[in-house]
Structure formats: C-alpha cells, structure tokens
Amino acid sequence: MAYTYRNLALYHQAKGEFDLAENFFKKAFDSVNYPVDLLEYHYADFLFQKEETNEGLKYLEMAVKKGEPEAIKKLNEIKEN
C-alpha cells in the first residue's frame, strides 16, 4: 500500500493539490512495512516545493543513506550551489 499512497501523493503534487499530496505521503509513511523506493526522496522534493527546505533536507539525507542515486545527485547539486 505504501507504493500506492506514494504514487497518489505524486499525482496530487503534480496537480498542485498539496493538501491531498501531504495526506497521501503521510499514509505512505504510516503503511511502510519495508523500504519503499524513493519515498523519502519524493517527499523531500515535495517539501522543497513548499519551501520547507530544512525538513526537505532531512528527508533527502534519509534517501541518501538508503543509497538512492537520485537523492545523492540532488544533494550534491544542492551542496554545489
């Protein structure tokens, strides 16, 4: 279910429906039984979009610790700027 909720969060984020996206991200985190690919990465991106940079960095660092290449690349880009 966590993957489904993550995908629904991404859908609503893309439509600019941030309240719904936030609810589905919360449901995704609440239903995690095993690591979900890119969940922390996408949530970090969502938080950056909402200009919640410090919280976004925390989730991005979680994704980096999981070894997700997208997160590593994004964090390196942030550090370069």
PDB file of N, CA and C in Angstrom:
ATOM      1  N   MET A   1       0.819  -1.201   0.000  1.00  0.00           N
ATOM      2  CA  MET A   1       0.000   0.000   0.000  1.00  0.00           C
ATOM      3  C   MET A   1       0.862   1.265   0.000  1.00  0.00           C
ATOM      4  N   ALA A   2       2.040   1.193   0.607  1.00  0.00           N
ATOM      5  CA  ALA A   2       2.891   2.387   0.695  1.00  0.00           C
ATOM      6  C   ALA A   2       3.252   2.901  -0.696  1.00  0.00           C
ATOM      7  N   TYR A   3       3.520   1.998  -1.631  1.00  0.00           N
ATOM      8  CA  TYR A   3       3.828   2.423  -3.008  1.00  0.00           C
ATOM      9  C   TYR A   3       2.621   3.121  -3.631  1.00  0.00           C
ATOM     10  N   THR A   4       1.457   2.576  -3.414  1.00  0.00           N
ATOM     11  CA  THR A   4       0.237   3.171  -3.970  1.00  0.00           C
ATOM     12  C   THR A   4       0.018   4.569  -3.399  1.00  0.00           C
ATOM     13  N   TYR A   5       0.157   4.697  -2.103  1.00  0.00           N
ATOM     14  CA  TYR A   5      -0.009   6.015  -1.482  1.00  0.00           C
ATOM     15  C   TYR A   5       1.046   7.004  -1.970  1.00  0.00           C
ATOM     16  N   ARG A   6       2.288   6.528  -2.117  1.00  0.00           N
ATOM     17  CA  ARG A   6       3.342   7.400  -2.645  1.00  0.00           C
ATOM     18  C   ARG A   6       2.971   7.900  -4.034  1.00  0.00           C
ATOM     19  N   ASN A   7       2.504   7.008  -4.867  1.00  0.00           N
ATOM     20  CA  ASN A   7       2.144   7.396  -6.237  1.00  0.00           C
ATOM     21  C   ASN A   7       0.958   8.355  -6.264  1.00  0.00           C
ATOM     22  N   LEU A   8      -0.007   8.138  -5.397  1.00  0.00           N
ATOM     23  CA  LEU A   8      -1.135   9.069  -5.314  1.00  0.00           C
ATOM     24  C   LEU A   8      -0.671  10.436  -4.822  1.00  0.00           C
ATOM     25  N   ALA A   9       0.274  10.448  -3.895  1.00  0.00           N
ATOM     26  CA  ALA A   9       0.828  11.722  -3.425  1.00  0.00           C
ATOM     27  C   ALA A   9       1.502  12.459  -4.576  1.00  0.00           C
ATOM     28  N   LEU A  10       2.269  11.744  -5.384  1.00  0.00           N
ATOM     29  CA  LEU A  10       2.948  12.364  -6.525  1.00  0.00           C
ATOM     30  C   LEU A  10       1.946  12.908  -7.540  1.00  0.00           C
ATOM     31  N   TYR A  11       0.877  12.169  -7.755  1.00  0.00           N
ATOM     32  CA  TYR A  11      -0.175  12.616  -8.671  1.00  0.00           C
ATOM     33  C   TYR A  11      -0.771  13.942  -8.192  1.00  0.00           C
ATOM     34  N   HIS A  12      -1.129  13.992  -6.919  1.00  0.00           N
ATOM     35  CA  HIS A  12      -1.753  15.202  -6.388  1.00  0.00           C
ATOM     36  C   HIS A  12      -0.748  16.352  -6.299  1.00  0.00           C
ATOM     37  N   GLN A  13       0.504  16.052  -6.049  1.00  0.00           N
ATOM     38  CA  GLN A  13       1.534  17.084  -6.058  1.00  0.00           C
ATOM     39  C   GLN A  13       1.632  17.708  -7.453  1.00  0.00           C
ATOM     40  N   ALA A  14       1.646  16.865  -8.462  1.00  0.00           N
ATOM     41  CA  ALA A  14       1.744  17.351  -9.845  1.00  0.00           C
ATOM     42  C   ALA A  14       0.548  18.223 -10.224  1.00  0.00           C
ATOM     43  N   LYS A  15      -0.601  17.934  -9.640  1.00  0.00           N
ATOM     44  CA  LYS A  15      -1.798  18.733  -9.919  1.00  0.00           C
ATOM     45  C   LYS A  15      -1.879  19.988  -9.039  1.00  0.00           C
ATOM     46  N   GLY A  16      -0.908  20.160  -8.143  1.00  0.00           N
ATOM     47  CA  GLY A  16      -0.914  21.317  -7.257  1.00  0.00           C
ATOM     48  C   GLY A  16      -1.864  21.182  -6.080  1.00  0.00           C
ATOM     49  N   GLU A  17      -2.307  19.977  -5.829  1.00  0.00           N
ATOM     50  CA  GLU A  17      -3.225  19.703  -4.720  1.00  0.00           C
ATOM     51  C   GLU A  17      -2.401  19.270  -3.507  1.00  0.00           C
ATOM     52  N   PHE A  18      -1.768  20.261  -2.866  1.00  0.00           N
ATOM     53  CA  PHE A  18      -0.773  19.970  -1.841  1.00  0.00           C
ATOM     54  C   PHE A  18      -1.353  19.340  -0.582  1.00  0.00           C
ATOM     55  N   ASP A  19      -2.551  19.697  -0.195  1.00  0.00           N
ATOM     56  CA  ASP A  19      -3.149  19.085   0.997  1.00  0.00           C
ATOM     57  C   ASP A  19      -3.371  17.599   0.781  1.00  0.00           C
ATOM     58  N   LEU A  20      -3.893  17.242  -0.393  1.00  0.00           N
ATOM     59  CA  LEU A  20      -4.095  15.822  -0.699  1.00  0.00           C
ATOM     60  C   LEU A  20      -2.758  15.094  -0.808  1.00  0.00           C
ATOM     61  N   ALA A  21      -1.789  15.734  -1.433  1.00  0.00           N
ATOM     62  CA  ALA A  21      -0.460  15.122  -1.557  1.00  0.00           C
ATOM     63  C   ALA A  21       0.125  14.849  -0.180  1.00  0.00           C
ATOM     64  N   GLU A  22       0.036  15.835   0.698  1.00  0.00           N
ATOM     65  CA  GLU A  22       0.562  15.666   2.064  1.00  0.00           C
ATOM     66  C   GLU A  22      -0.130  14.502   2.766  1.00  0.00           C
ATOM     67  N   ASN A  23      -1.437  14.396   2.626  1.00  0.00           N
ATOM     68  CA  ASN A  23      -2.181  13.292   3.248  1.00  0.00           C
ATOM     69  C   ASN A  23      -1.726  11.936   2.722  1.00  0.00           C
ATOM     70  N   PHE A  24      -1.509  11.838   1.418  1.00  0.00           N
ATOM     71  CA  PHE A  24      -1.079  10.559   0.856  1.00  0.00           C
ATOM     72  C   PHE A  24       0.369  10.241   1.209  1.00  0.00           C
ATOM     73  N   PHE A  25       1.229  11.252   1.292  1.00  0.00           N
ATOM     74  CA  PHE A  25       2.587  10.982   1.768  1.00  0.00           C
ATOM     75  C   PHE A  25       2.541  10.454   3.199  1.00  0.00           C
ATOM     76  N   LYS A  26       1.715  11.057   4.038  1.00  0.00           N
ATOM     77  CA  LYS A  26       1.588  10.596   5.425  1.00  0.00           C
ATOM     78  C   LYS A  26       1.111   9.151   5.459  1.00  0.00           C
ATOM     79  N   LYS A  27       0.115   8.830   4.646  1.00  0.00           N
ATOM     80  CA  LYS A  27      -0.376   7.455   4.600  1.00  0.00           C
ATOM     81  C   LYS A  27       0.712   6.500   4.127  1.00  0.00           C
ATOM     82  N   ALA A  28       1.519   6.944   3.166  1.00  0.00           N
ATOM     83  CA  ALA A  28       2.610   6.100   2.669  1.00  0.00           C
ATOM     84  C   ALA A  28       3.592   5.797   3.793  1.00  0.00           C
ATOM     85  N   PHE A  29       4.015   6.829   4.531  1.00  0.00           N
ATOM     86  CA  PHE A  29       4.944   6.600   5.635  1.00  0.00           C
ATOM     87  C   PHE A  29       4.326   5.731   6.718  1.00  0.00           C
ATOM     88  N   ASP A  30       3.051   5.917   6.985  1.00  0.00           N
ATOM     89  CA  ASP A  30       2.378   5.138   8.030  1.00  0.00           C
ATOM     90  C   ASP A  30       2.214   3.669   7.649  1.00  0.00           C
ATOM     91  N   SER A  31       2.207   3.358   6.366  1.00  0.00           N
ATOM     92  CA  SER A  31       1.961   1.977   5.946  1.00  0.00           C
ATOM     93  C   SER A  31       3.222   1.244   5.481  1.00  0.00           C
ATOM     94  N   VAL A  32       4.389   1.834   5.715  1.00  0.00           N
ATOM     95  CA  VAL A  32       5.643   1.195   5.296  1.00  0.00           C
ATOM     96  C   VAL A  32       5.921  -0.029   6.170  1.00  0.00           C
ATOM     97  N   ASN A  33       6.069  -1.167   5.507  1.00  0.00           N
ATOM     98  CA  ASN A  33       6.469  -2.400   6.180  1.00  0.00           C
ATOM     99  C   ASN A  33       7.897  -2.784   5.812  1.00  0.00           C
ATOM    100  N   TYR A  34       8.370  -2.252   4.704  1.00  0.00           N
ATOM    101  CA  TYR A  34       9.734  -2.466   4.227  1.00  0.00           C
ATOM    102  C   TYR A  34      10.082  -1.241   3.385  1.00  0.00           C
ATOM    103  N   PRO A  35      11.352  -0.998   3.113  1.00  0.00           N
ATOM    104  CA  PRO A  35      11.731   0.240   2.408  1.00  0.00           C
ATOM    105  C   PRO A  35      10.977   0.421   1.084  1.00  0.00           C
ATOM    106  N   VAL A  36      10.533   1.644   0.867  1.00  0.00           N
ATOM    107  CA  VAL A  36       9.809   1.999  -0.353  1.00  0.00           C
ATOM    108  C   VAL A  36      10.723   2.882  -1.189  1.00  0.00           C
ATOM    109  N   ASP A  37      11.003   2.423  -2.406  1.00  0.00           N
ATOM    110  CA  ASP A  37      11.897   3.165  -3.285  1.00  0.00           C
ATOM    111  C   ASP A  37      11.439   4.608  -3.444  1.00  0.00           C
ATOM    112  N   LEU A  38      12.377   5.510  -3.224  1.00  0.00           N
ATOM    113  CA  LEU A  38      12.222   6.940  -3.489  1.00  0.00           C
ATOM    114  C   LEU A  38      11.147   7.645  -2.667  1.00  0.00           C
ATOM    115  N   LEU A  39      10.633   7.020  -1.631  1.00  0.00           N
ATOM    116  CA  LEU A  39       9.607   7.682  -0.827  1.00  0.00           C
ATOM    117  C   LEU A  39      10.175   8.935  -0.155  1.00  0.00           C
ATOM    118  N   GLU A  40      11.290   8.784   0.522  1.00  0.00           N
ATOM    119  CA  GLU A  40      11.898   9.933   1.196  1.00  0.00           C
ATOM    120  C   GLU A  40      12.359  10.983   0.183  1.00  0.00           C
ATOM    121  N   TYR A  41      12.902  10.522  -0.937  1.00  0.00           N
ATOM    122  CA  TYR A  41      13.360  11.433  -1.987  1.00  0.00           C
ATOM    123  C   TYR A  41      12.211  12.286  -2.520  1.00  0.00           C
ATOM    124  N   HIS A  42      11.114  11.644  -2.858  1.00  0.00           N
ATOM    125  CA  HIS A  42       9.966  12.382  -3.391  1.00  0.00           C
ATOM    126  C   HIS A  42       9.341  13.294  -2.336  1.00  0.00           C
ATOM    127  N   TYR A  43       9.327  12.838  -1.088  1.00  0.00           N
ATOM    128  CA  TYR A  43       8.782  13.688  -0.043  1.00  0.00           C
ATOM    129  C   TYR A  43       9.686  14.905   0.170  1.00  0.00           C
ATOM    130  N   ALA A  44      10.984  14.702   0.090  1.00  0.00           N
ATOM    131  CA  ALA A  44      11.920  15.831   0.182  1.00  0.00           C
ATOM    132  C   ALA A  44      11.648  16.830  -0.934  1.00  0.00           C
ATOM    133  N   ASP A  45      11.459  16.332  -2.144  1.00  0.00           N
ATOM    134  CA  ASP A  45      11.158  17.208  -3.283  1.00  0.00           C
ATOM    135  C   ASP A  45       9.870  17.988  -3.034  1.00  0.00           C
ATOM    136  N   PHE A  46       8.873  17.306  -2.502  1.00  0.00           N
ATOM    137  CA  PHE A  46       7.604  17.949  -2.162  1.00  0.00           C
ATOM    138  C   PHE A  46       7.819  19.065  -1.146  1.00  0.00           C
ATOM    139  N   LEU A  47       8.603  18.786  -0.119  1.00  0.00           N
ATOM    140  CA  LEU A  47       8.878  19.790   0.903  1.00  0.00           C
ATOM    141  C   LEU A  47       9.657  20.975   0.331  1.00  0.00           C
ATOM    142  N   PHE A  48      10.599  20.700  -0.560  1.00  0.00           N
ATOM    143  CA  PHE A  48      11.333  21.790  -1.213  1.00  0.00           C
ATOM    144  C   PHE A  48      10.365  22.659  -2.016  1.00  0.00           C
ATOM    145  N   GLN A  49       9.444  22.024  -2.695  1.00  0.00           N
ATOM    146  CA  GLN A  49       8.464  22.762  -3.488  1.00  0.00           C
ATOM    147  C   GLN A  49       7.613  23.667  -2.589  1.00  0.00           C
ATOM    148  N   LYS A  50       7.349  23.214  -1.370  1.00  0.00           N
ATOM    149  CA  LYS A  50       6.578  24.008  -0.410  1.00  0.00           C
ATOM    150  C   LYS A  50       7.468  24.988   0.357  1.00  0.00           C
ATOM    151  N   GLU A  51       8.739  25.038  -0.021  1.00  0.00           N
ATOM    152  CA  GLU A  51       9.740  25.912   0.599  1.00  0.00           C
ATOM    153  C   GLU A  51       9.982  25.577   2.069  1.00  0.00           C
ATOM    154  N   GLU A  52       9.869  24.291   2.400  1.00  0.00           N
ATOM    155  CA  GLU A  52      10.214  23.788   3.725  1.00  0.00           C
ATOM    156  C   GLU A  52      11.575  23.109   3.617  1.00  0.00           C
ATOM    157  N   THR A  53      12.594  23.931   3.366  1.00  0.00           N
ATOM    158  CA  THR A  53      13.927  23.455   2.993  1.00  0.00           C
ATOM    159  C   THR A  53      14.582  22.598   4.067  1.00  0.00           C
ATOM    160  N   ASN A  54      14.567  23.031   5.312  1.00  0.00           N
ATOM    161  CA  ASN A  54      15.242  22.269   6.369  1.00  0.00           C
ATOM    162  C   ASN A  54      14.652  20.883   6.533  1.00  0.00           C
ATOM    163  N   GLU A  55      13.326  20.806   6.534  1.00  0.00           N
ATOM    164  CA  GLU A  55      12.665  19.499   6.646  1.00  0.00           C
ATOM    165  C   GLU A  55      12.947  18.658   5.395  1.00  0.00           C
ATOM    166  N   GLY A  56      12.945  19.297   4.237  1.00  0.00           N
ATOM    167  CA  GLY A  56      13.250  18.593   2.997  1.00  0.00           C
ATOM    168  C   GLY A  56      14.642  18.000   3.009  1.00  0.00           C
ATOM    169  N   LEU A  57      15.605  18.733   3.542  1.00  0.00           N
ATOM    170  CA  LEU A  57      16.982  18.225   3.622  1.00  0.00           C
ATOM    171  C   LEU A  57      17.070  16.995   4.516  1.00  0.00           C
ATOM    172  N   LYS A  58      16.297  16.960   5.590  1.00  0.00           N
ATOM    173  CA  LYS A  58      16.303  15.789   6.466  1.00  0.00           C
ATOM    174  C   LYS A  58      15.848  14.540   5.703  1.00  0.00           C
ATOM    175  N   TYR A  59      14.780  14.683   4.927  1.00  0.00           N
ATOM    176  CA  TYR A  59      14.286  13.524   4.165  1.00  0.00           C
ATOM    177  C   TYR A  59      15.220  13.172   3.010  1.00  0.00           C
ATOM    178  N   LEU A  60      15.826  14.174   2.419  1.00  0.00           N
ATOM    179  CA  LEU A  60      16.785  13.906   1.343  1.00  0.00           C
ATOM    180  C   LEU A  60      17.979  13.125   1.895  1.00  0.00           C
ATOM    181  N   GLU A  61      18.450  13.491   3.071  1.00  0.00           N
ATOM    182  CA  GLU A  61      19.558  12.767   3.687  1.00  0.00           C
ATOM    183  C   GLU A  61      19.171  11.333   4.030  1.00  0.00           C
ATOM    184  N   MET A  62      17.911  11.106   4.401  1.00  0.00           N
ATOM    185  CA  MET A  62      17.443   9.729   4.635  1.00  0.00           C
ATOM    186  C   MET A  62      17.535   8.917   3.343  1.00  0.00           C
ATOM    187  N   ALA A  63      17.132   9.541   2.241  1.00  0.00           N
ATOM    188  CA  ALA A  63      17.185   8.846   0.951  1.00  0.00           C
ATOM    189  C   ALA A  63      18.625   8.569   0.548  1.00  0.00           C
ATOM    190  N   VAL A  64      19.523   9.497   0.842  1.00  0.00           N
ATOM    191  CA  VAL A  64      20.950   9.293   0.549  1.00  0.00           C
ATOM    192  C   VAL A  64      21.471   8.106   1.352  1.00  0.00           C
ATOM    193  N   LYS A  65      21.078   8.007   2.611  1.00  0.00           N
ATOM    194  CA  LYS A  65      21.521   6.879   3.454  1.00  0.00           C
ATOM    195  C   LYS A  65      21.033   5.543   2.909  1.00  0.00           C
ATOM    196  N   LYS A  66      19.898   5.564   2.195  1.00  0.00           N
ATOM    197  CA  LYS A  66      19.387   4.340   1.565  1.00  0.00           C
ATOM    198  C   LYS A  66      20.161   4.027   0.283  1.00  0.00           C
ATOM    199  N   GLY A  67      21.016   4.968  -0.151  1.00  0.00           N
ATOM    200  CA  GLY A  67      21.833   4.752  -1.347  1.00  0.00           C
ATOM    201  C   GLY A  67      21.116   5.045  -2.648  1.00  0.00           C
ATOM    202  N   GLU A  68      20.061   5.839  -2.603  1.00  0.00           N
ATOM    203  CA  GLU A  68      19.303   6.127  -3.825  1.00  0.00           C
ATOM    204  C   GLU A  68      20.071   7.144  -4.690  1.00  0.00           C
ATOM    205  N   PRO A  69      20.435   6.746  -5.917  1.00  0.00           N
ATOM    206  CA  PRO A  69      21.247   7.611  -6.783  1.00  0.00           C
ATOM    207  C   PRO A  69      20.626   8.983  -7.039  1.00  0.00           C
ATOM    208  N   GLU A  70      19.310   9.038  -7.171  1.00  0.00           N
ATOM    209  CA  GLU A  70      18.639  10.318  -7.418  1.00  0.00           C
ATOM    210  C   GLU A  70      18.865  11.280  -6.251  1.00  0.00           C
ATOM    211  N   ALA A  71      18.794  10.736  -5.051  1.00  0.00           N
ATOM    212  CA  ALA A  71      18.976  11.558  -3.855  1.00  0.00           C
ATOM    213  C   ALA A  71      20.419  12.035  -3.733  1.00  0.00           C
ATOM    214  N   ILE A  72      21.351  11.161  -4.024  1.00  0.00           N
ATOM    215  CA  ILE A  72      22.768  11.528  -3.969  1.00  0.00           C
ATOM    216  C   ILE A  72      23.055  12.651  -4.954  1.00  0.00           C
ATOM    217  N   LYS A  73      22.527  12.520  -6.160  1.00  0.00           N
ATOM    218  CA  LYS A  73      22.722  13.548  -7.180  1.00  0.00           C
ATOM    219  C   LYS A  73      22.120  14.879  -6.735  1.00  0.00           C
ATOM    220  N   LYS A  74      20.902  14.840  -6.219  1.00  0.00           N
ATOM    221  CA  LYS A  74      20.216  16.062  -5.775  1.00  0.00           C
ATOM    222  C   LYS A  74      20.981  16.733  -4.631  1.00  0.00           C
ATOM    223  N   LEU A  75      21.455  15.949  -3.668  1.00  0.00           N
ATOM    224  CA  LEU A  75      22.186  16.526  -2.543  1.00  0.00           C
ATOM    225  C   LEU A  75      23.497  17.147  -3.020  1.00  0.00           C
ATOM    226  N   ASN A  76      24.176  16.491  -3.942  1.00  0.00           N
ATOM    227  CA  ASN A  76      25.404  17.058  -4.499  1.00  0.00           C
ATOM    228  C   ASN A  76      25.135  18.371  -5.221  1.00  0.00           C
ATOM    229  N   GLU A  77      24.018  18.448  -5.948  1.00  0.00           N
ATOM    230  CA  GLU A  77      23.648  19.680  -6.632  1.00  0.00           C
ATOM    231  C   GLU A  77      23.380  20.803  -5.624  1.00  0.00           C
ATOM    232  N   ILE A  78      22.716  20.468  -4.543  1.00  0.00           N
ATOM    233  CA  ILE A  78      22.429  21.458  -3.504  1.00  0.00           C
ATOM    234  C   ILE A  78      23.721  21.965  -2.872  1.00  0.00           C
ATOM    235  N   LYS A  79      24.644  21.054  -2.599  1.00  0.00           N
ATOM    236  CA  LYS A  79      25.909  21.438  -1.984  1.00  0.00           C
ATOM    237  C   LYS A  79      26.755  22.320  -2.906  1.00  0.00           C
ATOM    238  N   GLU A  80      26.619  22.109  -4.225  1.00  0.00           N
ATOM    239  CA  GLU A  80      27.379  22.910  -5.181  1.00  0.00           C
ATOM    240  C   GLU A  80      26.876  24.330  -5.262  1.00  0.00           C
ATOM    241  N   ASN A  81      25.603  24.544  -4.952  1.00  0.00           N
ATOM    242  CA  ASN A  81      25.019  25.881  -5.036  1.00  0.00           C
ATOM    243  C   ASN A  81      25.101  26.563  -3.755  1.00  0.00           C
TER     244      ASN A  81
END
